[in-house]
Amino acid sequence: MPGAFKRDARPSRRWRGLAAAAVLAWAGAGAAPAADYAGPLFDTHLHYNEEAWNGSSGPFPPAEALARLQRNGVRAIVGNSRPNEGTRTLAAARETREASVTVVPFVRLYRNRADYTNWFRDPSIHEMVLAELARGTASGPYRGIGEFHLYDSANADGPVARQLMALAEQRDLAVLAHVDDVAVDKLMAHTPSKGRETRLIWAHTGIGGVPVARVREMLERYPRLVGELSYRPGLTCEGGALCAEWRALIEAYPTRFVIGSDTWVNQRWVDYDGLMQGYRRWLGDLPPALARQVGWGNAAALFGMR
């Protein structure tokens, strides 16, 4: 019967829903994953410590270190090393020029491991910083101070910490600080502008896992605060993709985040290729222009590069 045939041939609502779901599942399964970011990288947290190369021996002489940077598309670094001879070596190395890598030198506060836990009250550290600033490097004057650590945020009120934060703002030097959010507030309070004009690169953007809401609050409070993303808990999710709350934060503050390797031990040099590939993976989750900003442009702008 024609009427019965017409009624039976019409797909049911349930069937249409199942068919639509199948189409969407097929489309999702066939969709290509986002391509990894392929542009230049700026490593804003690189150490060339004496364990890597002490000037005459070590597993990562300049040629080896620079080969790692070059093959990963790292075109510039913030160099900060224990002791500062490591940064000066990279700044002067022929291999650095041949690899077309720009060294942005920072004065690190550590002559040895003992300085990690005492620098904030040791007047000789302040004197050493002034001497290094006067000396400069083969790639030009020092552009910042750090990385330094504060394992107790109360030590941000130490006399040398106060002096160096004021000095940094007065000389327009950036600061690379491995500290918690409480210490950031304390350090900023010691500057002439109370942090409004201080270029502070927050190493790891709170390595202890400062909540994203608190990071957002601090970015609002301090207009020149920049988050460096190595070791950051909660940054990436399954498959190395950028977690949703961090993607939202980076999209809300596109000029305020940078990347770094933190080669604080030699194993990080061993793993350097993987570290940079990890960045390229999640940067590929972002719109291309934003990926380039985070991977390269924000740090380049911070130091007046193109």
C-alpha atoms as a PDB file:
ATOM      1  CA  MET A   1       0.000   0.000   0.000  1.00  0.00           C
ATOM      2  CA  PRO A   2       1.459   3.366  -0.996  1.00  0.00           C
ATOM      3  CA  GLY A   3       0.492   5.092   2.233  1.00  0.00           C
ATOM      4  CA  ALA A   4       1.920   2.334   4.379  1.00  0.00           C
ATOM      5  CA  PHE A   5       5.098   2.254   2.334  1.00  0.00           C
ATOM      6  CA  LYS A   6       5.574   6.006   2.763  1.00  0.00           C
ATOM      7  CA  ARG A   7       5.052   5.784   6.501  1.00  0.00           C
ATOM      8  CA  ASP A   8       7.467   2.848   6.935  1.00  0.00           C
ATOM      9  CA  ALA A   9      10.157   4.433   4.728  1.00  0.00           C
ATOM     10  CA  ARG A  10      10.337   7.614   6.805  1.00  0.00           C
ATOM     11  CA  PRO A  11      13.290   7.410   9.252  1.00  0.00           C
ATOM     12  CA  SER A  12      12.309   7.522  12.895  1.00  0.00           C
ATOM     13  CA  ARG A  13      13.585  10.306  15.144  1.00  0.00           C
ATOM     14  CA  ARG A  14      15.704   7.783  17.022  1.00  0.00           C
ATOM     15  CA  TRP A  15      17.235   6.510  13.772  1.00  0.00           C
ATOM     16  CA  ARG A  16      17.978  10.056  12.610  1.00  0.00           C
ATOM     17  CA  GLY A  17      19.662  10.824  15.922  1.00  0.00           C
ATOM     18  CA  LEU A  18      21.812   7.702  15.726  1.00  0.00           C
ATOM     19  CA  ALA A  19      22.769   8.487  12.158  1.00  0.00           C
ATOM     20  CA  ALA A  20      23.743  12.045  13.031  1.00  0.00           C
ATOM     21  CA  ALA A  21      25.855  10.815  15.933  1.00  0.00           C
ATOM     22  CA  ALA A  22      27.582   8.320  13.657  1.00  0.00           C
ATOM     23  CA  VAL A  23      28.394  11.039  11.136  1.00  0.00           C
ATOM     24  CA  LEU A  24      29.853  13.259  13.854  1.00  0.00           C
ATOM     25  CA  ALA A  25      31.885  10.383  15.259  1.00  0.00           C
ATOM     26  CA  TRP A  26      33.208   9.608  11.805  1.00  0.00           C
ATOM     27  CA  ALA A  27      34.091  13.233  11.183  1.00  0.00           C
ATOM     28  CA  GLY A  28      35.863  13.482  14.514  1.00  0.00           C
ATOM     29  CA  ALA A  29      37.790  10.281  13.922  1.00  0.00           C
ATOM     30  CA  GLY A  30      38.861  11.455  10.499  1.00  0.00           C
ATOM     31  CA  ALA A  31      39.827  14.989  11.546  1.00  0.00           C
ATOM     32  CA  ALA A  32      43.546  15.600  11.446  1.00  0.00           C
ATOM     33  CA  PRO A  33      45.133  16.587  14.759  1.00  0.00           C
ATOM     34  CA  ALA A  34      46.501  20.104  15.056  1.00  0.00           C
ATOM     35  CA  ALA A  35      49.935  20.413  13.477  1.00  0.00           C
ATOM     36  CA  ASP A  36      52.817  21.116  15.812  1.00  0.00           C
ATOM     37  CA  TYR A  37      54.055  24.703  15.919  1.00  0.00           C
ATOM     38  CA  ALA A  38      56.927  25.032  13.439  1.00  0.00           C
ATOM     39  CA  GLY A  39      58.143  28.597  14.062  1.00  0.00           C
ATOM     40  CA  PRO A  40      61.118  29.963  16.017  1.00  0.00           C
ATOM     41  CA  LEU A  41      61.495  29.434  19.756  1.00  0.00           C
ATOM     42  CA  PHE A  42      62.899  31.727  22.458  1.00  0.00           C
ATOM     43  CA  ASP A  43      64.202  29.771  25.465  1.00  0.00           C
ATOM     44  CA  THR A  44      63.768  32.256  28.295  1.00  0.00           C
ATOM     45  CA  HIS A  45      65.145  30.034  31.043  1.00  0.00           C
ATOM     46  CA  LEU A  46      68.417  28.379  30.077  1.00  0.00           C
ATOM     47  CA  HIS A  47      71.306  27.542  32.409  1.00  0.00           C
ATOM     48  CA  TYR A  48      74.822  26.701  31.237  1.00  0.00           C
ATOM     49  CA  ASN A  49      76.104  25.627  34.624  1.00  0.00           C
ATOM     50  CA  GLU A  50      79.572  24.334  35.401  1.00  0.00           C
ATOM     51  CA  GLU A  51      78.293  20.747  35.455  1.00  0.00           C
ATOM     52  CA  ALA A  52      77.470  21.087  31.757  1.00  0.00           C
ATOM     53  CA  TRP A  53      80.761  22.800  30.884  1.00  0.00           C
ATOM     54  CA  ASN A  54      83.312  24.374  33.204  1.00  0.00           C
ATOM     55  CA  GLY A  55      85.428  25.987  30.529  1.00  0.00           C
ATOM     56  CA  SER A  56      87.635  22.976  29.897  1.00  0.00           C
ATOM     57  CA  SER A  57      85.573  19.844  30.489  1.00  0.00           C
ATOM     58  CA  GLY A  58      81.998  18.621  30.721  1.00  0.00           C
ATOM     59  CA  PRO A  59      79.460  16.671  28.658  1.00  0.00           C
ATOM     60  CA  PHE A  60      78.040  19.728  26.884  1.00  0.00           C
ATOM     61  CA  PRO A  61      80.794  21.911  25.418  1.00  0.00           C
ATOM     62  CA  PRO A  62      79.583  24.913  23.406  1.00  0.00           C
ATOM     63  CA  ALA A  63      79.405  22.969  20.135  1.00  0.00           C
ATOM     64  CA  GLU A  64      77.166  20.314  21.692  1.00  0.00           C
ATOM     65  CA  ALA A  65      74.940  22.791  23.529  1.00  0.00           C
ATOM     66  CA  LEU A  66      74.486  24.984  20.469  1.00  0.00           C
ATOM     67  CA  ALA A  67      73.737  21.993  18.247  1.00  0.00           C
ATOM     68  CA  ARG A  68      70.775  21.229  20.510  1.00  0.00           C
ATOM     69  CA  LEU A  69      69.495  24.780  20.259  1.00  0.00           C
ATOM     70  CA  GLN A  70      69.924  24.982  16.512  1.00  0.00           C
ATOM     71  CA  ARG A  71      68.227  21.710  15.603  1.00  0.00           C
ATOM     72  CA  ASN A  72      65.232  22.673  17.733  1.00  0.00           C
ATOM     73  CA  GLY A  73      64.758  26.052  16.101  1.00  0.00           C
ATOM     74  CA  VAL A  74      65.779  27.989  19.228  1.00  0.00           C
ATOM     75  CA  ARG A  75      66.889  31.355  17.922  1.00  0.00           C
ATOM     76  CA  ALA A  76      67.417  33.170  21.236  1.00  0.00           C
ATOM     77  CA  ILE A  77      67.979  32.352  24.900  1.00  0.00           C
ATOM     78  CA  VAL A  78      68.016  34.041  28.268  1.00  0.00           C
ATOM     79  CA  GLY A  79      71.352  32.803  29.572  1.00  0.00           C
ATOM     80  CA  ASN A  80      71.789  32.592  33.344  1.00  0.00           C
ATOM     81  CA  SER A  81      74.407  30.279  34.758  1.00  0.00           C
ATOM     82  CA  ARG A  82      76.190  29.199  37.915  1.00  0.00           C
ATOM     83  CA  PRO A  83      78.701  30.795  37.914  1.00  0.00           C
ATOM     84  CA  ASN A  84      78.239  33.622  35.406  1.00  0.00           C
ATOM     85  CA  GLU A  85      81.210  32.432  33.357  1.00  0.00           C
ATOM     86  CA  GLY A  86      78.851  29.969  31.669  1.00  0.00           C
ATOM     87  CA  THR A  87      76.691  32.733  30.240  1.00  0.00           C
ATOM     88  CA  ARG A  88      79.735  34.740  29.183  1.00  0.00           C
ATOM     89  CA  THR A  89      81.105  31.648  27.424  1.00  0.00           C
ATOM     90  CA  LEU A  90      77.920  31.207  25.389  1.00  0.00           C
ATOM     91  CA  ALA A  91      77.836  34.918  24.593  1.00  0.00           C
ATOM     92  CA  ALA A  92      81.386  34.812  23.208  1.00  0.00           C
ATOM     93  CA  ALA A  93      81.372  31.380  21.524  1.00  0.00           C
ATOM     94  CA  ARG A  94      81.980  31.046  17.807  1.00  0.00           C
ATOM     95  CA  GLU A  95      79.397  28.259  17.789  1.00  0.00           C
ATOM     96  CA  THR A  96      76.760  30.695  19.051  1.00  0.00           C
ATOM     97  CA  ARG A  97      77.341  33.007  16.116  1.00  0.00           C
ATOM     98  CA  GLU A  98      77.403  30.127  13.645  1.00  0.00           C
ATOM     99  CA  ALA A  99      74.093  28.827  14.984  1.00  0.00           C
ATOM    100  CA  SER A 100      72.573  32.342  14.722  1.00  0.00           C
ATOM    101  CA  VAL A 101      71.473  32.174  18.370  1.00  0.00           C
ATOM    102  CA  THR A 102      71.107  35.434  20.294  1.00  0.00           C
ATOM    103  CA  VAL A 103      72.191  35.314  23.940  1.00  0.00           C
ATOM    104  CA  VAL A 104      70.277  37.658  26.252  1.00  0.00           C
ATOM    105  CA  PRO A 105      72.530  37.595  29.332  1.00  0.00           C
ATOM    106  CA  PHE A 106      71.279  37.754  32.922  1.00  0.00           C
ATOM    107  CA  VAL A 107      73.405  38.060  36.050  1.00  0.00           C
ATOM    108  CA  ARG A 108      72.796  34.999  38.161  1.00  0.00           C
ATOM    109  CA  LEU A 109      73.192  35.451  41.903  1.00  0.00           C
ATOM    110  CA  TYR A 110      74.992  32.167  42.528  1.00  0.00           C
ATOM    111  CA  ARG A 111      78.726  31.691  42.547  1.00  0.00           C
ATOM    112  CA  ASN A 112      78.239  28.252  44.092  1.00  0.00           C
ATOM    113  CA  ARG A 113      75.466  26.122  45.566  1.00  0.00           C
ATOM    114  CA  ALA A 114      75.788  27.711  49.000  1.00  0.00           C
ATOM    115  CA  ASP A 115      74.507  30.988  47.558  1.00  0.00           C
ATOM    116  CA  TYR A 116      71.071  29.463  46.806  1.00  0.00           C
ATOM    117  CA  THR A 117      69.956  29.724  50.423  1.00  0.00           C
ATOM    118  CA  ASN A 118      71.795  32.857  51.531  1.00  0.00           C
ATOM    119  CA  TRP A 119      71.911  35.341  48.658  1.00  0.00           C
ATOM    120  CA  PHE A 120      69.054  37.524  49.931  1.00  0.00           C
ATOM    121  CA  ARG A 121      71.070  38.660  52.970  1.00  0.00           C
ATOM    122  CA  ASP A 122      74.662  38.433  51.695  1.00  0.00           C
ATOM    123  CA  PRO A 123      76.056  41.883  50.821  1.00  0.00           C
ATOM    124  CA  SER A 124      78.780  40.311  48.665  1.00  0.00           C
ATOM    125  CA  ILE A 125      76.054  39.159  46.255  1.00  0.00           C
ATOM    126  CA  HIS A 126      74.983  42.756  45.709  1.00  0.00           C
ATOM    127  CA  GLU A 127      78.600  43.710  45.083  1.00  0.00           C
ATOM    128  CA  MET A 128      79.024  40.817  42.637  1.00  0.00           C
ATOM    129  CA  VAL A 129      75.924  41.881  40.695  1.00  0.00           C
ATOM    130  CA  LEU A 130      77.206  45.439  40.370  1.00  0.00           C
ATOM    131  CA  ALA A 131      80.597  44.170  39.182  1.00  0.00           C
ATOM    132  CA  GLU A 132      78.988  41.897  36.570  1.00  0.00           C
ATOM    133  CA  LEU A 133      76.745  44.686  35.323  1.00  0.00           C
ATOM    134  CA  ALA A 134      79.807  46.902  34.880  1.00  0.00           C
ATOM    135  CA  ARG A 135      81.653  44.112  33.071  1.00  0.00           C
ATOM    136  CA  GLY A 136      79.024  43.057  30.548  1.00  0.00           C
ATOM    137  CA  THR A 137      79.365  40.244  28.014  1.00  0.00           C
ATOM    138  CA  ALA A 138      80.451  39.670  24.442  1.00  0.00           C
ATOM    139  CA  SER A 139      76.812  39.902  23.372  1.00  0.00           C
ATOM    140  CA  GLY A 140      76.319  43.220  25.125  1.00  0.00           C
ATOM    141  CA  PRO A 141      75.237  44.401  28.555  1.00  0.00           C
ATOM    142  CA  TYR A 142      73.377  42.206  30.978  1.00  0.00           C
ATOM    143  CA  ARG A 143      69.635  42.551  30.473  1.00  0.00           C
ATOM    144  CA  GLY A 144      68.384  41.090  33.728  1.00  0.00           C
ATOM    145  CA  ILE A 145      68.977  39.541  37.158  1.00  0.00           C
ATOM    146  CA  GLY A 146      68.290  35.906  38.066  1.00  0.00           C
ATOM    147  CA  GLU A 147      67.252  33.191  38.112  1.00  0.00           C
ATOM    148  CA  PHE A 148      67.132  33.259  41.897  1.00  0.00           C
ATOM    149  CA  HIS A 149      65.209  31.097  44.359  1.00  0.00           C
ATOM    150  CA  LEU A 150      63.346  31.870  47.544  1.00  0.00           C
ATOM    151  CA  TYR A 151      62.379  28.666  49.330  1.00  0.00           C
ATOM    152  CA  ASP A 152      60.744  30.707  52.094  1.00  0.00           C
ATOM    153  CA  SER A 153      58.699  33.659  50.861  1.00  0.00           C
ATOM    154  CA  ALA A 154      59.616  35.643  54.001  1.00  0.00           C
ATOM    155  CA  ASN A 155      63.164  35.891  52.633  1.00  0.00           C
ATOM    156  CA  ALA A 156      61.873  38.214  49.914  1.00  0.00           C
ATOM    157  CA  ASP A 157      62.170  40.876  52.613  1.00  0.00           C
ATOM    158  CA  GLY A 158      65.902  40.253  53.044  1.00  0.00           C
ATOM    159  CA  PRO A 159      68.122  43.334  52.646  1.00  0.00           C
ATOM    160  CA  VAL A 160      69.818  42.187  49.437  1.00  0.00           C
ATOM    161  CA  ALA A 161      66.513  41.114  47.904  1.00  0.00           C
ATOM    162  CA  ARG A 162      65.201  44.618  48.577  1.00  0.00           C
ATOM    163  CA  GLN A 163      68.285  46.237  47.065  1.00  0.00           C
ATOM    164  CA  LEU A 164      68.267  44.134  43.922  1.00  0.00           C
ATOM    165  CA  MET A 165      64.577  44.587  43.191  1.00  0.00           C
ATOM    166  CA  ALA A 166      64.947  48.360  43.439  1.00  0.00           C
ATOM    167  CA  LEU A 167      68.088  48.214  41.286  1.00  0.00           C
ATOM    168  CA  ALA A 168      66.347  46.131  38.629  1.00  0.00           C
ATOM    169  CA  GLU A 169      63.539  48.619  38.145  1.00  0.00           C
ATOM    170  CA  GLN A 170      65.850  51.631  38.273  1.00  0.00           C
ATOM    171  CA  ARG A 171      68.046  50.138  35.513  1.00  0.00           C
ATOM    172  CA  ASP A 172      65.159  48.575  33.573  1.00  0.00           C
ATOM    173  CA  LEU A 173      66.524  45.080  34.124  1.00  0.00           C
ATOM    174  CA  ALA A 174      64.221  42.101  33.948  1.00  0.00           C
ATOM    175  CA  VAL A 175      64.073  39.731  36.925  1.00  0.00           C
ATOM    176  CA  LEU A 176      63.814  35.939  36.649  1.00  0.00           C
ATOM    177  CA  ALA A 177      62.503  34.638  39.968  1.00  0.00           C
ATOM    178  CA  HIS A 178      61.716  31.080  41.143  1.00  0.00           C
ATOM    179  CA  VAL A 179      59.342  31.983  43.955  1.00  0.00           C
ATOM    180  CA  ASP A 180      55.774  31.485  45.119  1.00  0.00           C
ATOM    181  CA  ASP A 181      52.969  33.993  44.653  1.00  0.00           C
ATOM    182  CA  VAL A 182      53.419  35.442  48.154  1.00  0.00           C
ATOM    183  CA  ALA A 183      57.071  36.190  47.407  1.00  0.00           C
ATOM    184  CA  VAL A 184      56.120  37.853  44.110  1.00  0.00           C
ATOM    185  CA  ASP A 185      53.963  40.307  46.030  1.00  0.00           C
ATOM    186  CA  LYS A 186      56.744  40.958  48.531  1.00  0.00           C
ATOM    187  CA  LEU A 187      59.401  41.447  45.850  1.00  0.00           C
ATOM    188  CA  MET A 188      57.203  43.823  43.879  1.00  0.00           C
ATOM    189  CA  ALA A 189      56.607  45.886  47.014  1.00  0.00           C
ATOM    190  CA  HIS A 190      60.335  46.686  47.157  1.00  0.00           C
ATOM    191  CA  THR A 191      60.394  48.415  43.768  1.00  0.00           C
ATOM    192  CA  PRO A 192      59.858  52.154  43.264  1.00  0.00           C
ATOM    193  CA  SER A 193      56.609  51.559  41.340  1.00  0.00           C
ATOM    194  CA  LYS A 194      55.398  48.777  43.684  1.00  0.00           C
ATOM    195  CA  GLY A 195      55.564  46.391  40.755  1.00  0.00           C
ATOM    196  CA  ARG A 196      53.647  48.423  38.206  1.00  0.00           C
ATOM    197  CA  GLU A 197      56.774  48.977  36.089  1.00  0.00           C
ATOM    198  CA  THR A 198      58.811  45.907  37.053  1.00  0.00           C
ATOM    199  CA  ARG A 199      59.578  43.314  34.374  1.00  0.00           C
ATOM    200  CA  LEU A 200      59.435  40.123  36.404  1.00  0.00           C
ATOM    201  CA  ILE A 201      59.562  36.749  34.643  1.00  0.00           C
ATOM    202  CA  TRP A 202      57.895  34.341  37.042  1.00  0.00           C
ATOM    203  CA  ALA A 203      59.841  31.099  36.622  1.00  0.00           C
ATOM    204  CA  HIS A 204      57.409  28.176  36.222  1.00  0.00           C
ATOM    205  CA  THR A 205      54.477  30.553  36.889  1.00  0.00           C
ATOM    206  CA  GLY A 206      54.333  29.092  40.365  1.00  0.00           C
ATOM    207  CA  ILE A 207      56.047  25.700  40.391  1.00  0.00           C
ATOM    208  CA  GLY A 208      54.001  24.624  43.404  1.00  0.00           C
ATOM    209  CA  GLY A 209      50.817  24.723  41.340  1.00  0.00           C
ATOM    210  CA  VAL A 210      49.433  28.170  42.158  1.00  0.00           C
ATOM    211  CA  PRO A 211      45.753  28.061  41.052  1.00  0.00           C
ATOM    212  CA  VAL A 212      44.996  29.524  37.652  1.00  0.00           C
ATOM    213  CA  ALA A 213      42.606  32.025  39.249  1.00  0.00           C
ATOM    214  CA  ARG A 214      45.467  33.341  41.388  1.00  0.00           C
ATOM    215  CA  VAL A 215      47.769  33.585  38.358  1.00  0.00           C
ATOM    216  CA  ARG A 216      45.076  35.608  36.592  1.00  0.00           C
ATOM    217  CA  GLU A 217      44.760  37.893  39.600  1.00  0.00           C
ATOM    218  CA  MET A 218      48.503  38.579  39.610  1.00  0.00           C
ATOM    219  CA  LEU A 219      48.639  39.265  35.888  1.00  0.00           C
ATOM    220  CA  GLU A 220      45.972  41.896  36.474  1.00  0.00           C
ATOM    221  CA  ARG A 221      47.818  43.395  39.419  1.00  0.00           C
ATOM    222  CA  TYR A 222      51.249  43.626  37.770  1.00  0.00           C
ATOM    223  CA  PRO A 223      51.070  44.788  34.125  1.00  0.00           C
ATOM    224  CA  ARG A 224      54.619  43.662  33.280  1.00  0.00           C
ATOM    225  CA  LEU A 225      54.578  40.294  35.034  1.00  0.00           C
ATOM    226  CA  VAL A 226      55.312  37.445  32.604  1.00  0.00           C
ATOM    227  CA  GLY A 227      54.755  33.740  33.280  1.00  0.00           C
ATOM    228  CA  GLU A 228      57.473  31.273  32.202  1.00  0.00           C
ATOM    229  CA  LEU A 229      55.963  27.824  31.703  1.00  0.00           C
ATOM    230  CA  SER A 230      58.625  25.172  32.323  1.00  0.00           C
ATOM    231  CA  TYR A 231      57.698  22.600  34.990  1.00  0.00           C
ATOM    232  CA  ARG A 232      54.244  24.178  35.379  1.00  0.00           C
ATOM    233  CA  PRO A 233      51.831  21.678  37.004  1.00  0.00           C
ATOM    234  CA  GLY A 234      48.499  21.308  35.213  1.00  0.00           C
ATOM    235  CA  LEU A 235      49.649  22.973  31.997  1.00  0.00           C
ATOM    236  CA  THR A 236      49.173  19.971  29.726  1.00  0.00           C
ATOM    237  CA  CYS A 237      46.675  17.122  29.692  1.00  0.00           C
ATOM    238  CA  GLU A 238      46.375  13.821  27.841  1.00  0.00           C
ATOM    239  CA  GLY A 239      48.695  13.500  24.874  1.00  0.00           C
ATOM    240  CA  GLY A 240      50.638  16.629  25.820  1.00  0.00           C
ATOM    241  CA  ALA A 241      47.806  18.908  24.723  1.00  0.00           C
ATOM    242  CA  LEU A 242      47.233  22.220  26.458  1.00  0.00           C
ATOM    243  CA  CYS A 243      44.698  21.915  29.288  1.00  0.00           C
ATOM    244  CA  ALA A 244      41.504  23.902  28.791  1.00  0.00           C
ATOM    245  CA  GLU A 245      41.947  26.319  31.718  1.00  0.00           C
ATOM    246  CA  TRP A 246      45.467  27.180  30.601  1.00  0.00           C
ATOM    247  CA  ARG A 247      44.402  27.656  27.022  1.00  0.00           C
ATOM    248  CA  ALA A 248      41.731  30.077  28.241  1.00  0.00           C
ATOM    249  CA  LEU A 249      44.267  31.946  30.379  1.00  0.00           C
ATOM    250  CA  ILE A 250      46.817  32.241  27.574  1.00  0.00           C
ATOM    251  CA  GLU A 251      44.141  33.425  25.162  1.00  0.00           C
ATOM    252  CA  ALA A 252      43.018  36.030  27.710  1.00  0.00           C
ATOM    253  CA  TYR A 253      46.602  37.273  28.233  1.00  0.00           C
ATOM    254  CA  PRO A 254      48.307  36.586  24.898  1.00  0.00           C
ATOM    255  CA  THR A 255      51.360  38.780  25.563  1.00  0.00           C
ATOM    256  CA  ARG A 256      52.134  37.509  29.055  1.00  0.00           C
ATOM    257  CA  PHE A 257      53.579  34.002  28.672  1.00  0.00           C
ATOM    258  CA  VAL A 258      56.932  32.620  27.513  1.00  0.00           C
ATOM    259  CA  ILE A 259      58.623  29.218  27.419  1.00  0.00           C
ATOM    260  CA  GLY A 260      61.911  27.874  28.808  1.00  0.00           C
ATOM    261  CA  SER A 261      63.940  24.701  29.224  1.00  0.00           C
ATOM    262  CA  ASP A 262      65.383  25.205  32.732  1.00  0.00           C
ATOM    263  CA  THR A 263      68.525  23.167  32.097  1.00  0.00           C
ATOM    264  CA  TRP A 264      69.386  23.221  35.803  1.00  0.00           C
ATOM    265  CA  VAL A 265      70.861  19.704  35.691  1.00  0.00           C
ATOM    266  CA  ASN A 266      72.548  17.874  32.835  1.00  0.00           C
ATOM    267  CA  GLN A 267      69.581  15.545  32.371  1.00  0.00           C
ATOM    268  CA  ARG A 268      67.613  18.517  31.092  1.00  0.00           C
ATOM    269  CA  TRP A 269      70.278  18.979  28.409  1.00  0.00           C
ATOM    270  CA  VAL A 270      69.974  15.275  27.589  1.00  0.00           C
ATOM    271  CA  ASP A 271      66.201  15.727  27.253  1.00  0.00           C
ATOM    272  CA  TYR A 272      66.373  19.063  25.424  1.00  0.00           C
ATOM    273  CA  ASP A 273      64.922  17.765  22.137  1.00  0.00           C
ATOM    274  CA  GLY A 274      61.945  16.296  23.968  1.00  0.00           C
ATOM    275  CA  LEU A 275      61.367  19.449  25.995  1.00  0.00           C
ATOM    276  CA  MET A 276      61.209  21.617  22.893  1.00  0.00           C
ATOM    277  CA  GLN A 277      59.040  19.092  21.061  1.00  0.00           C
ATOM    278  CA  GLY A 278      56.643  19.152  23.996  1.00  0.00           C
ATOM    279  CA  TYR A 279      56.292  22.903  23.616  1.00  0.00           C
ATOM    280  CA  ARG A 280      55.764  22.595  19.874  1.00  0.00           C
ATOM    281  CA  ARG A 281      53.033  20.025  20.515  1.00  0.00           C
ATOM    282  CA  TRP A 282      50.858  22.208  22.737  1.00  0.00           C
ATOM    283  CA  LEU A 283      51.687  25.441  20.960  1.00  0.00           C
ATOM    284  CA  GLY A 284      50.120  23.761  17.939  1.00  0.00           C
ATOM    285  CA  ASP A 285      46.817  23.726  19.854  1.00  0.00           C
ATOM    286  CA  LEU A 286      46.740  27.523  19.730  1.00  0.00           C
ATOM    287  CA  PRO A 287      45.883  29.771  16.787  1.00  0.00           C
ATOM    288  CA  PRO A 288      49.073  30.233  14.715  1.00  0.00           C
ATOM    289  CA  ALA A 289      49.600  33.903  15.561  1.00  0.00           C
ATOM    290  CA  LEU A 290      49.194  33.233  19.286  1.00  0.00           C
ATOM    291  CA  ALA A 291      51.487  30.202  19.120  1.00  0.00           C
ATOM    292  CA  ARG A 292      54.227  32.368  17.627  1.00  0.00           C
ATOM    293  CA  GLN A 293      53.692  35.008  20.297  1.00  0.00           C
ATOM    294  CA  VAL A 294      54.147  32.539  23.139  1.00  0.00           C
ATOM    295  CA  GLY A 295      56.933  30.577  21.481  1.00  0.00           C
ATOM    296  CA  TRP A 296      58.889  33.583  20.291  1.00  0.00           C
ATOM    297  CA  GLY A 297      57.276  37.004  20.108  1.00  0.00           C
ATOM    298  CA  ASN A 298      56.557  37.799  23.748  1.00  0.00           C
ATOM    299  CA  ALA A 299      60.139  37.203  24.858  1.00  0.00           C
ATOM    300  CA  ALA A 300      61.490  38.987  21.790  1.00  0.00           C
ATOM    301  CA  ALA A 301      59.360  42.036  22.581  1.00  0.00           C
ATOM    302  CA  LEU A 302      60.459  41.917  26.210  1.00  0.00           C
ATOM    303  CA  PHE A 303      64.047  42.470  25.084  1.00  0.00           C
ATOM    304  CA  GLY A 304      63.458  44.707  22.077  1.00  0.00           C
ATOM    305  CA  MET A 305      64.114  42.027  19.446  1.00  0.00           C
ATOM    306  CA  ARG A 306      62.206  41.272  16.247  1.00  0.00           C
END
